[in-house]
N, C-alpha and C. Protein backbone atom coordinates (compact mmCIF):
# COMPACT_ATOMS: atom_id res chain seq x y z
N MET A 1 -32.46 190.62 -10.99
CA MET A 1 -32.92 190.60 -12.29
C MET A 1 -32.79 191.92 -13.04
N ILE A 2 -32.09 192.34 -14.16
CA ILE A 2 -32.01 193.32 -14.51
C ILE A 2 -33.38 193.72 -15.58
N PRO A 3 -34.03 194.72 -15.57
CA PRO A 3 -35.23 194.97 -16.53
C PRO A 3 -34.69 195.28 -17.90
N SER A 4 -35.48 194.40 -18.75
CA SER A 4 -35.12 194.58 -20.06
C SER A 4 -35.77 195.88 -20.37
N ARG A 5 -34.70 196.37 -21.64
CA ARG A 5 -35.15 197.66 -22.24
C ARG A 5 -35.81 197.16 -23.52
N PRO A 6 -37.01 198.29 -23.26
CA PRO A 6 -37.92 198.22 -24.70
C PRO A 6 -37.37 197.98 -25.78
N ARG A 7 -37.73 196.89 -26.85
CA ARG A 7 -37.65 196.97 -28.23
C ARG A 7 -37.97 198.21 -29.14
N PRO A 8 -37.17 198.77 -30.17
CA PRO A 8 -37.54 200.02 -30.94
C PRO A 8 -39.15 199.11 -31.41
N ASN A 9 -39.16 198.09 -32.00
CA ASN A 9 -40.45 197.84 -32.38
C ASN A 9 -41.44 197.58 -31.21
N ASP A 10 -41.20 197.67 -30.05
CA ASP A 10 -42.07 197.21 -29.07
C ASP A 10 -43.45 198.22 -29.08
N ARG A 11 -44.76 197.51 -29.34
CA ARG A 11 -45.57 198.81 -29.26
C ARG A 11 -46.38 198.76 -27.96
N SER A 12 -45.45 199.63 -26.79
CA SER A 12 -46.02 200.07 -25.81
C SER A 12 -47.63 200.77 -25.87
N ARG A 13 -48.20 201.00 -24.48
CA ARG A 13 -49.25 201.87 -24.67
C ARG A 13 -49.33 203.10 -25.00
N GLU A 14 -47.99 203.87 -24.88
CA GLU A 14 -47.85 205.05 -25.31
C GLU A 14 -47.74 205.02 -26.99
N ALA A 15 -47.16 204.26 -27.70
CA ALA A 15 -46.96 204.10 -28.98
C ALA A 15 -48.53 203.55 -29.66
N ARG A 16 -49.38 203.19 -29.05
CA ARG A 16 -50.24 202.66 -29.34
C ARG A 16 -51.56 203.83 -29.28
N SER A 17 -51.48 204.78 -28.28
CA SER A 17 -52.19 205.97 -28.32
C SER A 17 -52.76 206.55 -29.57
N PRO A 18 -54.08 207.19 -29.58
CA PRO A 18 -54.07 207.83 -31.05
C PRO A 18 -53.38 209.03 -30.83
N GLU A 19 -52.79 209.80 -31.84
CA GLU A 19 -52.27 211.06 -32.12
C GLU A 19 -53.13 211.99 -31.89
N PRO A 20 -52.59 213.27 -31.57
CA PRO A 20 -53.33 214.53 -31.39
C PRO A 20 -54.19 214.61 -32.75
N VAL A 21 -55.29 215.26 -32.21
CA VAL A 21 -55.86 215.84 -33.91
C VAL A 21 -55.30 216.77 -34.29
N PHE A 22 -54.38 217.55 -33.61
CA PHE A 22 -53.61 218.70 -34.36
C PHE A 22 -52.01 218.47 -34.21
N ALA A 23 -51.44 218.07 -35.33
CA ALA A 23 -50.04 218.07 -34.76
C ALA A 23 -49.08 219.40 -34.84
N ALA A 24 -49.67 220.63 -35.13
CA ALA A 24 -48.96 221.72 -35.00
C ALA A 24 -49.03 222.36 -33.74
N PRO A 25 -48.02 223.22 -33.21
CA PRO A 25 -48.39 223.48 -31.89
C PRO A 25 -49.67 224.61 -32.02
N PRO A 26 -50.43 224.65 -30.67
CA PRO A 26 -51.48 225.27 -30.72
C PRO A 26 -51.29 226.82 -31.05
N ASP A 27 -50.29 227.57 -31.15
CA ASP A 27 -49.85 228.97 -31.37
C ASP A 27 -49.91 229.09 -32.73
N ARG A 28 -49.37 228.17 -33.52
CA ARG A 28 -49.49 228.22 -34.99
C ARG A 28 -50.65 227.93 -35.57
N ARG A 29 -51.42 227.09 -35.15
CA ARG A 29 -52.64 226.64 -35.39
C ARG A 29 -53.51 227.73 -35.47
N LEU A 30 -53.42 228.68 -34.27
CA LEU A 30 -54.64 229.41 -34.00
C LEU A 30 -53.92 230.96 -34.13
N GLU A 31 -52.99 231.25 -35.30
CA GLU A 31 -52.24 232.49 -35.45
C GLU A 31 -53.28 233.63 -36.21
N TRP A 32 -54.13 232.85 -37.24
CA TRP A 32 -54.77 234.01 -38.04
C TRP A 32 -55.99 234.25 -37.03
N LEU A 33 -56.79 233.22 -36.62
CA LEU A 33 -57.61 233.61 -35.50
C LEU A 33 -57.29 234.77 -34.46
N ASP A 34 -56.26 234.18 -34.07
CA ASP A 34 -55.99 235.50 -32.61
C ASP A 34 -55.59 236.88 -33.80
N HIS A 35 -54.85 236.80 -34.59
CA HIS A 35 -54.81 238.44 -35.61
C HIS A 35 -56.46 238.83 -35.78
N LEU A 36 -57.43 237.87 -36.00
CA LEU A 36 -58.52 238.40 -36.18
C LEU A 36 -59.42 238.89 -34.90
N ALA A 37 -58.95 238.03 -33.74
CA ALA A 37 -59.92 238.43 -32.96
C ALA A 37 -58.72 239.68 -32.08
N SER A 38 -57.89 239.71 -32.28
CA SER A 38 -57.18 241.24 -31.86
C SER A 38 -57.53 242.46 -32.38
N TRP A 39 -57.69 242.09 -34.10
CA TRP A 39 -58.32 243.53 -34.69
C TRP A 39 -59.76 243.60 -34.10
N LEU A 40 -60.40 242.71 -33.72
CA LEU A 40 -62.10 243.27 -33.41
C LEU A 40 -62.09 243.54 -31.68
N ASP A 41 -60.93 243.28 -30.91
CA ASP A 41 -60.89 243.94 -29.76
C ASP A 41 -59.81 244.36 -29.05
N ASN A 42 -59.02 244.28 -29.69
CA ASN A 42 -57.86 245.21 -28.47
C ASN A 42 -56.65 245.67 -29.63
N ARG A 43 -56.93 246.12 -31.03
CA ARG A 43 -55.99 246.36 -31.75
C ARG A 43 -55.52 247.97 -31.61
N PHE A 44 -56.42 249.14 -31.06
CA PHE A 44 -55.88 250.04 -30.51
C PHE A 44 -55.69 250.81 -29.43
N ARG A 45 -55.09 251.72 -28.78
CA ARG A 45 -54.95 251.90 -27.67
C ARG A 45 -55.22 253.58 -27.60
N ILE A 46 -56.09 253.69 -26.32
CA ILE A 46 -56.24 254.93 -26.32
C ILE A 46 -55.12 255.78 -25.68
N PRO A 47 -54.71 257.05 -26.41
CA PRO A 47 -53.17 257.67 -25.98
C PRO A 47 -53.20 257.68 -24.33
N PHE A 48 -51.94 257.83 -23.89
CA PHE A 48 -51.93 258.02 -22.30
C PHE A 48 -52.25 256.96 -21.56
N THR A 49 -53.09 255.96 -21.92
CA THR A 49 -53.69 255.13 -21.03
C THR A 49 -53.55 253.90 -21.52
N ASN A 50 -53.41 252.68 -20.86
CA ASN A 50 -53.39 251.44 -21.05
C ASN A 50 -54.85 250.53 -21.41
N ILE A 51 -55.91 251.67 -21.80
CA ILE A 51 -57.38 250.96 -22.40
C ILE A 51 -56.98 250.72 -23.99
N ARG A 52 -57.50 249.50 -24.12
CA ARG A 52 -57.26 249.00 -25.65
C ARG A 52 -58.65 248.61 -25.97
N PHE A 53 -59.14 248.96 -27.35
CA PHE A 53 -60.21 248.79 -28.05
C PHE A 53 -59.90 248.28 -29.38
N GLY A 54 -61.27 247.77 -30.34
CA GLY A 54 -60.62 247.23 -31.50
C GLY A 54 -61.78 247.72 -32.54
N ALA A 55 -61.70 247.04 -33.54
CA ALA A 55 -62.92 247.57 -34.42
C ALA A 55 -64.23 246.87 -34.25
N ASP A 56 -64.59 246.09 -33.07
CA ASP A 56 -65.68 246.02 -32.41
C ASP A 56 -66.41 247.24 -31.97
N ALA A 57 -65.44 247.62 -31.24
CA ALA A 57 -65.95 248.92 -30.44
C ALA A 57 -66.16 250.02 -31.56
N LEU A 58 -65.50 250.13 -32.43
CA LEU A 58 -65.31 251.76 -33.25
C LEU A 58 -66.94 251.33 -34.26
N ILE A 59 -67.18 249.95 -34.47
CA ILE A 59 -68.24 249.64 -35.27
C ILE A 59 -69.69 249.75 -34.86
N GLY A 60 -69.37 249.51 -33.29
CA GLY A 60 -70.55 249.38 -32.64
C GLY A 60 -71.45 250.98 -32.17
N LEU A 61 -70.16 252.14 -32.21
CA LEU A 61 -70.65 253.24 -32.62
C LEU A 61 -71.67 253.61 -33.49
N ILE A 62 -71.81 253.13 -34.27
CA ILE A 62 -72.94 253.55 -35.47
C ILE A 62 -74.47 252.68 -34.73
N PRO A 63 -75.15 253.22 -34.93
CA PRO A 63 -76.66 252.62 -34.16
C PRO A 63 -77.03 251.77 -35.06
N TYR A 64 -77.42 250.53 -34.48
CA TYR A 64 -78.20 249.59 -34.92
C TYR A 64 -77.51 248.98 -35.76
N VAL A 65 -77.06 249.40 -36.99
CA VAL A 65 -76.45 248.68 -37.99
C VAL A 65 -74.78 248.22 -37.73
N GLY A 66 -74.06 249.10 -36.66
CA GLY A 66 -73.31 248.63 -36.01
C GLY A 66 -73.17 247.37 -35.29
N ASP A 67 -74.22 247.72 -34.46
CA ASP A 67 -74.24 246.30 -33.64
C ASP A 67 -74.59 245.17 -34.17
N MET A 68 -75.13 245.11 -35.61
CA MET A 68 -75.45 243.80 -36.28
C MET A 68 -74.36 243.91 -36.83
N LEU A 69 -73.51 244.43 -37.35
CA LEU A 69 -72.24 244.10 -37.82
C LEU A 69 -71.45 243.30 -36.99
N SER A 70 -71.26 243.97 -35.90
CA SER A 70 -70.47 243.60 -34.83
C SER A 70 -70.82 242.02 -34.34
N LEU A 71 -72.12 242.08 -34.11
CA LEU A 71 -72.45 240.53 -33.92
C LEU A 71 -72.13 239.53 -35.19
N LEU A 72 -72.26 240.09 -36.33
CA LEU A 72 -72.14 239.09 -37.51
C LEU A 72 -70.70 238.82 -37.50
N LEU A 73 -69.95 239.60 -37.24
CA LEU A 73 -68.42 239.23 -37.36
C LEU A 73 -67.82 238.40 -35.90
N SER A 74 -68.58 238.62 -35.03
CA SER A 74 -68.29 237.80 -33.76
C SER A 74 -68.85 236.06 -34.01
N ILE A 75 -69.96 236.14 -34.73
CA ILE A 75 -70.44 234.86 -35.21
C ILE A 75 -69.69 234.26 -36.37
N LEU A 76 -69.18 234.82 -37.27
CA LEU A 76 -67.86 234.57 -37.95
C LEU A 76 -66.88 233.60 -37.51
N LEU A 77 -66.32 234.27 -36.41
CA LEU A 77 -65.20 234.01 -35.50
C LEU A 77 -65.41 232.75 -34.81
N VAL A 78 -66.72 232.55 -34.52
CA VAL A 78 -67.16 231.44 -33.83
C VAL A 78 -67.46 230.19 -34.82
N PHE A 79 -67.86 230.22 -36.33
CA PHE A 79 -67.89 229.52 -37.01
C PHE A 79 -66.64 229.26 -37.78
N LEU A 80 -65.59 230.01 -37.83
CA LEU A 80 -64.26 229.71 -38.17
C LEU A 80 -63.44 228.84 -36.87
N THR A 81 -64.22 228.82 -35.67
CA THR A 81 -63.51 227.51 -34.98
C THR A 81 -64.07 226.12 -34.99
N LEU A 82 -65.22 226.32 -35.75
CA LEU A 82 -65.74 224.65 -35.78
C LEU A 82 -64.60 223.56 -36.79
N ARG A 83 -63.79 224.18 -37.44
CA ARG A 83 -62.83 223.63 -38.25
C ARG A 83 -61.94 222.96 -37.13
N TYR A 84 -62.13 223.45 -35.88
CA TYR A 84 -61.10 222.70 -34.93
C TYR A 84 -61.90 221.70 -34.42
N ARG A 85 -63.03 221.44 -34.30
CA ARG A 85 -63.99 219.90 -33.81
C ARG A 85 -64.39 220.34 -32.20
N VAL A 86 -64.47 221.46 -31.98
CA VAL A 86 -64.61 221.58 -30.60
C VAL A 86 -65.89 221.33 -30.04
N SER A 87 -66.07 221.27 -28.46
CA SER A 87 -67.31 220.35 -27.97
C SER A 87 -68.17 221.35 -28.21
N GLY A 88 -69.53 220.77 -28.00
CA GLY A 88 -70.76 221.74 -27.86
C GLY A 88 -70.73 222.50 -26.53
N LYS A 89 -69.94 221.86 -25.60
CA LYS A 89 -69.81 222.51 -24.51
C LYS A 89 -69.23 224.35 -24.77
N VAL A 90 -67.65 223.93 -25.49
CA VAL A 90 -67.44 225.19 -25.51
C VAL A 90 -67.83 226.16 -26.60
N LEU A 91 -68.99 225.80 -27.42
CA LEU A 91 -69.57 226.09 -28.34
C LEU A 91 -70.85 227.12 -27.68
N SER A 92 -70.70 226.49 -26.85
CA SER A 92 -72.15 226.88 -26.02
C SER A 92 -72.09 228.36 -25.27
N LEU A 93 -70.58 228.29 -24.39
CA LEU A 93 -69.84 228.98 -24.01
C LEU A 93 -69.53 230.03 -24.98
N MET A 94 -68.77 230.10 -25.70
CA MET A 94 -68.85 230.93 -27.07
C MET A 94 -70.27 231.61 -27.50
N ALA A 95 -71.13 230.90 -27.52
CA ALA A 95 -72.61 231.57 -28.28
C ALA A 95 -73.10 232.43 -26.89
N GLY A 96 -72.71 232.03 -25.55
CA GLY A 96 -73.08 232.71 -24.48
C GLY A 96 -72.36 234.41 -24.56
N ASN A 97 -70.91 234.09 -24.97
CA ASN A 97 -70.20 235.28 -24.83
C ASN A 97 -70.63 236.16 -25.96
N ILE A 98 -70.97 235.74 -27.01
CA ILE A 98 -71.32 236.81 -28.45
C ILE A 98 -72.86 236.78 -28.03
N LEU A 99 -73.68 236.47 -27.34
CA LEU A 99 -74.97 236.80 -27.12
C LEU A 99 -75.10 238.13 -25.50
N LEU A 100 -74.24 237.79 -24.72
CA LEU A 100 -74.12 238.94 -23.57
C LEU A 100 -73.45 240.04 -24.30
N ASP A 101 -72.58 239.97 -24.93
CA ASP A 101 -71.74 241.10 -25.87
C ASP A 101 -72.87 241.86 -26.89
N ALA A 102 -73.34 241.03 -27.43
CA ALA A 102 -74.69 241.69 -28.59
C ALA A 102 -75.92 242.34 -27.41
N LEU A 103 -76.23 241.62 -26.22
CA LEU A 103 -77.31 242.41 -25.54
C LEU A 103 -76.99 243.60 -25.01
N LEU A 104 -75.76 243.66 -24.05
CA LEU A 104 -75.30 244.67 -23.79
C LEU A 104 -74.88 245.44 -24.20
N GLY A 105 -74.10 245.27 -25.03
CA GLY A 105 -73.42 246.19 -26.15
C GLY A 105 -74.53 246.79 -26.95
N SER A 106 -75.66 246.42 -27.33
CA SER A 106 -76.85 247.50 -28.08
C SER A 106 -77.01 248.37 -27.40
N VAL A 107 -76.75 248.65 -25.94
CA VAL A 107 -77.17 249.88 -25.21
C VAL A 107 -76.46 250.96 -25.64
N PRO A 108 -76.97 251.98 -26.15
CA PRO A 108 -76.21 253.27 -26.73
C PRO A 108 -75.21 254.00 -25.65
N LEU A 109 -74.14 254.13 -26.09
CA LEU A 109 -72.87 254.52 -25.33
C LEU A 109 -72.46 253.54 -24.14
N LEU A 110 -73.10 253.11 -23.07
CA LEU A 110 -72.95 252.32 -22.45
C LEU A 110 -72.29 250.76 -22.55
N GLY A 111 -73.21 250.46 -23.83
CA GLY A 111 -72.70 249.36 -24.53
C GLY A 111 -71.46 249.37 -25.43
N ASP A 112 -70.95 250.54 -25.60
CA ASP A 112 -69.48 250.47 -26.28
C ASP A 112 -68.53 250.80 -25.29
N LEU A 113 -68.93 251.13 -24.07
CA LEU A 113 -68.08 250.77 -23.08
C LEU A 113 -67.58 249.64 -22.56
N PHE A 114 -69.28 249.06 -22.55
CA PHE A 114 -69.03 247.53 -22.12
C PHE A 114 -67.94 246.48 -23.20
N ASP A 115 -68.21 247.05 -24.47
CA ASP A 115 -67.31 246.38 -25.72
C ASP A 115 -65.96 246.10 -25.32
N ILE A 116 -65.49 247.47 -25.04
CA ILE A 116 -64.37 248.08 -24.66
C ILE A 116 -63.66 246.91 -23.61
N ARG A 117 -64.46 246.83 -22.52
CA ARG A 117 -64.02 245.99 -21.42
C ARG A 117 -64.11 244.63 -21.47
N TYR A 118 -65.46 244.09 -22.01
CA TYR A 118 -65.68 242.59 -22.01
C TYR A 118 -64.74 241.82 -23.02
N ARG A 119 -64.80 242.47 -24.25
CA ARG A 119 -63.97 241.62 -25.13
C ARG A 119 -64.41 240.39 -25.58
N ALA A 120 -65.59 240.07 -25.80
CA ALA A 120 -66.04 238.65 -26.27
C ALA A 120 -65.35 237.76 -27.27
N ASN A 121 -64.58 238.23 -28.23
CA ASN A 121 -64.07 237.73 -29.47
C ASN A 121 -62.54 237.09 -28.66
N ARG A 122 -62.00 238.07 -27.77
CA ARG A 122 -60.70 237.45 -27.16
C ARG A 122 -61.17 235.93 -26.29
N ARG A 123 -62.20 236.40 -25.66
CA ARG A 123 -62.74 235.30 -24.58
C ARG A 123 -63.02 234.03 -24.98
N ASN A 124 -63.61 234.11 -26.52
CA ASN A 124 -63.67 232.95 -27.02
C ASN A 124 -62.43 232.34 -27.74
N LEU A 125 -61.39 233.26 -28.28
CA LEU A 125 -60.29 232.51 -28.51
C LEU A 125 -59.64 231.76 -27.19
N LEU A 126 -59.77 232.29 -26.18
CA LEU A 126 -59.18 231.69 -25.09
C LEU A 126 -59.98 230.41 -25.07
N LEU A 127 -60.97 230.52 -24.56
CA LEU A 127 -61.68 228.89 -24.69
C LEU A 127 -61.43 228.19 -25.70
N LEU A 128 -61.03 228.35 -26.78
CA LEU A 128 -60.81 227.80 -28.10
C LEU A 128 -59.07 227.29 -27.56
N ARG A 129 -58.13 227.90 -26.96
CA ARG A 129 -57.19 227.67 -26.86
C ARG A 129 -57.05 226.55 -25.61
N ASP A 130 -57.75 227.01 -24.50
CA ASP A 130 -58.03 225.99 -23.49
C ASP A 130 -58.23 225.01 -23.86
N HIS A 131 -59.65 224.60 -24.88
CA HIS A 131 -60.26 223.26 -25.37
C HIS A 131 -59.06 222.61 -26.24
N LEU A 132 -58.17 222.99 -26.57
CA LEU A 132 -57.15 222.42 -28.00
C LEU A 132 -56.11 222.16 -26.76
N ASN A 133 -55.57 223.13 -25.79
CA ASN A 133 -54.42 222.23 -24.90
C ASN A 133 -54.77 221.37 -24.19
N GLU A 134 -55.97 221.39 -23.36
CA GLU A 134 -56.15 220.44 -22.68
C GLU A 134 -56.43 218.78 -23.39
N GLY A 135 -56.57 219.00 -24.52
CA GLY A 135 -56.73 217.96 -25.19
C GLY A 135 -58.12 217.04 -25.14
N ARG A 136 -59.19 217.67 -24.27
CA ARG A 136 -60.52 216.77 -24.07
C ARG A 136 -61.51 217.54 -24.70
N HIS A 137 -62.77 216.88 -24.53
CA HIS A 137 -63.80 217.58 -25.46
C HIS A 137 -64.13 217.30 -26.84
N HIS A 138 -63.41 216.23 -27.35
CA HIS A 138 -63.81 216.04 -28.73
C HIS A 138 -64.98 215.95 -29.17
N GLY A 139 -65.51 216.65 -30.30
CA GLY A 139 -66.44 216.29 -31.21
C GLY A 139 -67.08 217.77 -31.68
N SER A 140 -67.84 217.44 -32.44
CA SER A 140 -68.11 218.85 -33.21
C SER A 140 -69.14 219.83 -32.51
N GLY A 141 -70.39 219.37 -32.07
CA GLY A 141 -71.09 219.94 -31.53
C GLY A 141 -71.98 220.90 -32.79
N ARG A 142 -71.75 220.55 -33.99
CA ARG A 142 -72.46 221.66 -34.54
C ARG A 142 -74.30 221.71 -34.75
N GLY A 143 -74.58 220.57 -34.51
CA GLY A 143 -76.25 220.91 -34.22
C GLY A 143 -76.67 222.03 -33.48
N PRO A 144 -76.47 221.74 -31.98
CA PRO A 144 -77.02 222.89 -30.91
C PRO A 144 -76.37 224.28 -31.65
N VAL A 145 -75.17 224.31 -31.99
CA VAL A 145 -74.63 225.99 -32.55
C VAL A 145 -75.21 226.28 -33.91
N LEU A 146 -75.50 225.45 -34.73
CA LEU A 146 -76.30 226.00 -35.93
C LEU A 146 -77.98 226.29 -35.77
N LEU A 147 -78.10 225.64 -34.47
CA LEU A 147 -79.57 225.87 -34.25
C LEU A 147 -79.34 227.21 -33.36
N PHE A 148 -78.64 227.60 -32.57
CA PHE A 148 -78.55 228.85 -31.97
C PHE A 148 -78.36 229.86 -32.70
N PHE A 149 -77.14 229.97 -33.70
CA PHE A 149 -77.16 231.13 -34.83
C PHE A 149 -78.29 230.97 -35.68
N ALA A 150 -79.15 229.91 -36.14
CA ALA A 150 -80.24 230.36 -36.88
C ALA A 150 -81.41 231.04 -36.08
N LEU A 151 -81.29 231.08 -34.68
CA LEU A 151 -82.27 231.72 -33.73
C LEU A 151 -81.45 233.26 -34.03
N VAL A 152 -80.22 233.23 -33.85
CA VAL A 152 -80.04 234.62 -33.72
C VAL A 152 -80.30 235.33 -34.98
N PHE A 153 -80.05 234.56 -36.40
CA PHE A 153 -80.25 235.44 -37.51
C PHE A 153 -81.50 235.54 -37.58
N GLY A 154 -82.47 234.92 -36.98
CA GLY A 154 -83.91 235.08 -37.05
C GLY A 154 -84.15 236.37 -36.35
N LEU A 155 -83.63 236.71 -35.01
CA LEU A 155 -83.86 238.09 -34.31
C LEU A 155 -83.17 239.29 -35.00
N LEU A 156 -81.87 238.69 -35.80
CA LEU A 156 -81.58 239.84 -36.34
C LEU A 156 -82.58 240.12 -37.67
N ALA A 157 -83.02 239.34 -38.14
CA ALA A 157 -83.80 239.47 -39.28
C ALA A 157 -85.36 240.36 -39.01
N GLY A 158 -85.78 239.91 -37.47
CA GLY A 158 -86.98 240.85 -37.09
C GLY A 158 -86.29 242.32 -36.51
N LEU A 159 -85.28 242.29 -35.93
CA LEU A 159 -84.76 243.56 -35.60
C LEU A 159 -84.88 244.47 -36.89
N ILE A 160 -84.33 244.18 -38.12
CA ILE A 160 -84.00 244.61 -39.16
C ILE A 160 -85.14 244.98 -40.05
N TYR A 161 -86.47 244.04 -39.74
CA TYR A 161 -87.57 244.45 -40.32
C TYR A 161 -88.14 245.31 -39.66
N VAL A 162 -88.50 245.31 -37.87
CA VAL A 162 -88.70 246.48 -37.24
C VAL A 162 -88.20 247.87 -37.65
N PHE A 163 -86.80 247.82 -38.18
CA PHE A 163 -85.75 249.03 -38.09
C PHE A 163 -86.62 249.51 -39.32
N TRP A 164 -87.00 248.63 -39.98
CA TRP A 164 -87.58 249.06 -41.58
C TRP A 164 -88.90 249.88 -41.55
N LEU A 165 -89.65 249.38 -40.65
CA LEU A 165 -91.28 249.47 -40.24
C LEU A 165 -90.75 251.03 -39.78
N ALA A 166 -89.96 250.96 -38.75
CA ALA A 166 -89.90 252.79 -38.11
C ALA A 166 -89.25 253.53 -39.19
N LEU A 167 -88.48 253.10 -40.11
CA LEU A 167 -88.18 254.17 -41.08
C LEU A 167 -89.05 254.49 -42.07
N GLN A 168 -90.07 253.27 -42.59
CA GLN A 168 -91.30 253.69 -43.22
C GLN A 168 -92.15 254.84 -42.70
N TRP A 169 -92.22 254.37 -40.87
CA TRP A 169 -93.31 255.59 -40.67
C TRP A 169 -92.93 256.84 -40.42
N LEU A 170 -91.40 256.97 -40.17
CA LEU A 170 -90.80 258.02 -40.12
C LEU A 170 -90.93 259.07 -41.40
N VAL A 171 -90.60 258.06 -42.34
CA VAL A 171 -90.32 258.99 -43.87
C VAL A 171 -91.96 259.04 -44.20
N GLY A 172 -92.74 258.15 -44.14
CA GLY A 172 -94.04 258.32 -44.86
C GLY A 172 -95.23 258.55 -43.84
């Protein structure tokens, strides 16, 4: 007996499966995020070496203010990934990368060397790419991430307040 060919209008299991969330290839979807992460983490090269660094390391050279600005730029990058509806697990890994980068990156001089080596924004972009290419873990995860970032902003506000008090003590 010869197996019959599937008819063009046949609704097989593959035809009924839901379409992927994103129809564009992953490289096109993440092109502008890749550009932003590249500027932050590996845009420049130290001459005669293979050591690359970005605006994140340069901004981090400014004491206190540079570290806070660097943290805010990294948080912005993660907020921009929310449009891809990544899972809470991926977002918590991204937040962990940012937190580690902010804590260790705030140590004078050694933290700047850590920023050059660790590249938290590139790591976060790789996490996003892995998530989108695997096609698993769909869901927004906005609640835990917004709570985490509210805590981070509260910590930043507290640091700014302490910095302001120290400045008043030095001046007054």
